[in-house]
Every structure is written in structure tokens, then in C-alpha cells.
Amino acid sequence: MHVKRFEDAKPYEAPNHRGVVGLRLQGFEPEGPQNQWVGLSQFLPGGGAGPDSTPFEKIYVCLGGELAVSANGEEVVLGLYDSCTIPAGEVREIVNRSNLVATLLVVIPYPPGYQHG
């Protein structure tokens, strides 16, 4: 078992994100998960990400507030405990249109070519 305390989570900068603070909860550690990493993204009011895509799928779970997620001309608003999967290569955009901080749990496989450990 690999336990990592929230106070030990390290911030990270995600490309093409604005008004977002990301914390790496699990991953990129020798004793951590083998196939994916988990982040916690806190979107300030007006904050967002994209539009862009990645070569791997992502799973988003809204843990607080609400976030508008757009892909393929469709927009949905994720609220508390709502989730979605963004397929590899799909262009998406995320925006916090509220005046509250929105919190998103993000599960992403390691990048292609990443050697664990």
C-alpha cells in the first residue's frame, strides 16, 4: 500500500491552464501507481483549461462547485460528484463560470514513453 498525505501533495503547472492550482495526489513516484496518476485541480472563478487535447484519455470528477466542460460542440456543466471521460485526442475546454472555487479530481494515464520508477 502506498499512502500519500494531502499535506505532502506537490503543486504542478498544467499547460494551457489559467486560474488553476493543481496538486499531484498520486503518481510519478517509485512506489506509487504503475499505470496512472491522480491530480486535484482547483479552478478559481473565471479559471479554465484549453481548448486543447492530449494523446490519452482523462477522467474528471467534480468534488465541489461546478465546471462547464465543452467537447465536440457540446457543453455540459459538472456539479458535485458528476464525472466525465474525455477520450484521447478529443479537444476539450473547461471553464469555471461561478464565483466559487471549483474542485476537480483528475485521473490520467502516464504519458506515452514514461518509464515508471
Protein backbone atom coordinates (compact mmCIF):
# COMPACT_ATOMS: atom_id res chain seq x y z
CA MET A 1 0.00 0.00 0.00
CA HIS A 2 1.22 3.46 -0.88
CA VAL A 3 -0.19 6.23 1.30
CA LYS A 4 0.38 9.87 0.49
CA ARG A 5 -0.99 12.51 2.84
CA PHE A 6 -2.73 15.54 1.40
CA GLU A 7 -0.21 17.83 3.11
CA ASP A 8 2.54 16.09 1.09
CA ALA A 9 0.88 16.66 -2.31
CA LYS A 10 3.06 18.82 -4.54
CA PRO A 11 1.69 21.54 -6.84
CA TYR A 12 2.19 21.21 -10.57
CA GLU A 13 1.72 23.52 -13.54
CA ALA A 14 -0.54 22.15 -16.26
CA PRO A 15 -0.06 23.53 -19.78
CA ASN A 16 -2.77 25.84 -21.14
CA HIS A 17 -4.49 26.23 -17.74
CA ARG A 18 -5.32 29.63 -16.23
CA GLY A 19 -6.53 30.42 -12.72
CA VAL A 20 -5.95 26.81 -11.70
CA VAL A 21 -3.90 25.31 -8.87
CA GLY A 22 -3.06 21.64 -9.42
CA LEU A 23 -1.88 19.22 -6.74
CA ARG A 24 -0.49 15.77 -7.56
CA LEU A 25 -2.17 13.34 -5.14
CA GLN A 26 -0.63 10.15 -6.55
CA GLY A 27 1.82 9.30 -9.29
CA PHE A 28 5.32 9.83 -10.65
CA GLU A 29 6.78 8.21 -7.52
CA PRO A 30 8.77 4.95 -7.47
CA GLU A 31 6.38 3.30 -5.00
CA GLY A 32 3.22 4.90 -6.44
CA PRO A 33 0.69 3.73 -9.04
CA GLN A 34 2.01 1.86 -12.08
CA ASN A 35 -0.45 2.96 -14.77
CA GLN A 36 -1.92 6.38 -13.98
CA TRP A 37 -1.62 9.45 -11.81
CA VAL A 38 -4.23 11.43 -9.89
CA GLY A 39 -4.44 15.19 -9.58
CA LEU A 40 -6.67 17.62 -7.74
CA SER A 41 -7.32 20.82 -9.71
CA GLN A 42 -8.79 23.88 -8.02
CA PHE A 43 -10.30 26.32 -10.52
CA LEU A 44 -10.67 29.91 -9.35
CA PRO A 45 -13.70 31.90 -10.55
CA GLY A 46 -13.11 32.55 -14.24
CA GLY A 47 -10.35 29.93 -14.35
CA GLY A 48 -10.17 27.31 -17.02
CA ALA A 49 -8.22 24.99 -19.28
CA GLY A 50 -7.89 24.56 -23.02
CA PRO A 51 -9.09 24.34 -25.61
CA ASP A 52 -6.65 21.51 -26.26
CA SER A 53 -6.34 17.74 -26.38
CA THR A 54 -4.00 15.02 -25.19
CA PRO A 55 -2.99 11.68 -26.71
CA PHE A 56 -4.58 9.80 -23.77
CA GLU A 57 -8.00 9.73 -22.13
CA LYS A 58 -8.77 11.63 -18.92
CA ILE A 59 -11.41 11.15 -16.24
CA TYR A 60 -12.81 14.18 -14.41
CA VAL A 61 -14.83 14.01 -11.16
CA CYS A 62 -16.26 17.27 -9.78
CA LEU A 63 -15.74 17.39 -6.00
CA GLY A 64 -17.03 20.91 -5.41
CA GLY A 65 -18.55 23.86 -7.22
CA GLU A 66 -19.39 23.45 -10.88
CA LEU A 67 -17.44 23.46 -14.13
CA ALA A 68 -18.55 23.82 -17.74
CA VAL A 69 -16.84 21.21 -19.93
CA SER A 70 -17.05 21.56 -23.72
CA ALA A 71 -16.07 18.99 -26.35
CA ASN A 72 -17.18 18.33 -29.93
CA GLY A 73 -19.57 21.28 -29.90
CA GLU A 74 -21.37 20.01 -26.78
CA GLU A 75 -21.20 21.65 -23.35
CA VAL A 76 -22.17 20.09 -20.03
CA VAL A 77 -21.95 21.52 -16.54
CA LEU A 78 -20.46 19.14 -13.99
CA GLY A 79 -21.74 19.58 -10.44
CA LEU A 80 -20.97 17.78 -7.20
CA TYR A 81 -19.84 14.17 -7.88
CA ASP A 82 -20.67 14.37 -11.60
CA SER A 83 -17.96 12.87 -13.81
CA CYS A 84 -16.98 12.54 -17.44
CA THR A 85 -14.38 10.83 -19.59
CA ILE A 86 -12.55 12.75 -22.30
CA PRO A 87 -11.29 10.34 -24.99
CA ALA A 88 -7.75 10.53 -26.34
CA GLY A 89 -7.41 13.24 -28.99
CA GLU A 90 -10.73 14.95 -28.18
CA VAL A 91 -10.43 18.74 -27.92
CA ARG A 92 -11.96 19.96 -24.65
CA GLU A 93 -12.29 23.21 -22.75
CA ILE A 94 -13.10 23.71 -19.06
CA VAL A 95 -14.39 26.97 -17.54
CA ASN A 96 -15.47 27.93 -14.03
CA ARG A 97 -18.24 30.48 -14.64
CA SER A 98 -19.27 30.71 -10.99
CA ASN A 99 -17.94 32.89 -8.17
CA LEU A 100 -16.92 29.83 -6.13
CA VAL A 101 -13.75 27.74 -6.34
CA ALA A 102 -14.47 24.51 -8.22
CA THR A 103 -12.54 21.33 -7.41
CA LEU A 104 -11.87 18.60 -9.95
CA LEU A 105 -10.32 15.17 -9.36
CA VAL A 106 -8.37 14.16 -12.47
CA VAL A 107 -7.22 10.62 -13.36
CA ILE A 108 -4.78 10.38 -16.27
CA PRO A 109 -2.58 7.56 -17.58
CA TYR A 110 1.13 8.20 -17.65
CA PRO A 111 2.33 9.90 -20.85
CA PRO A 112 3.44 7.66 -23.72
CA GLY A 113 7.02 6.54 -23.19
CA TYR A 114 7.02 7.24 -19.44
CA GLN A 115 9.09 4.67 -17.57
CA HIS A 116 7.71 4.15 -14.06
CA GLY A 117 10.19 4.23 -11.19
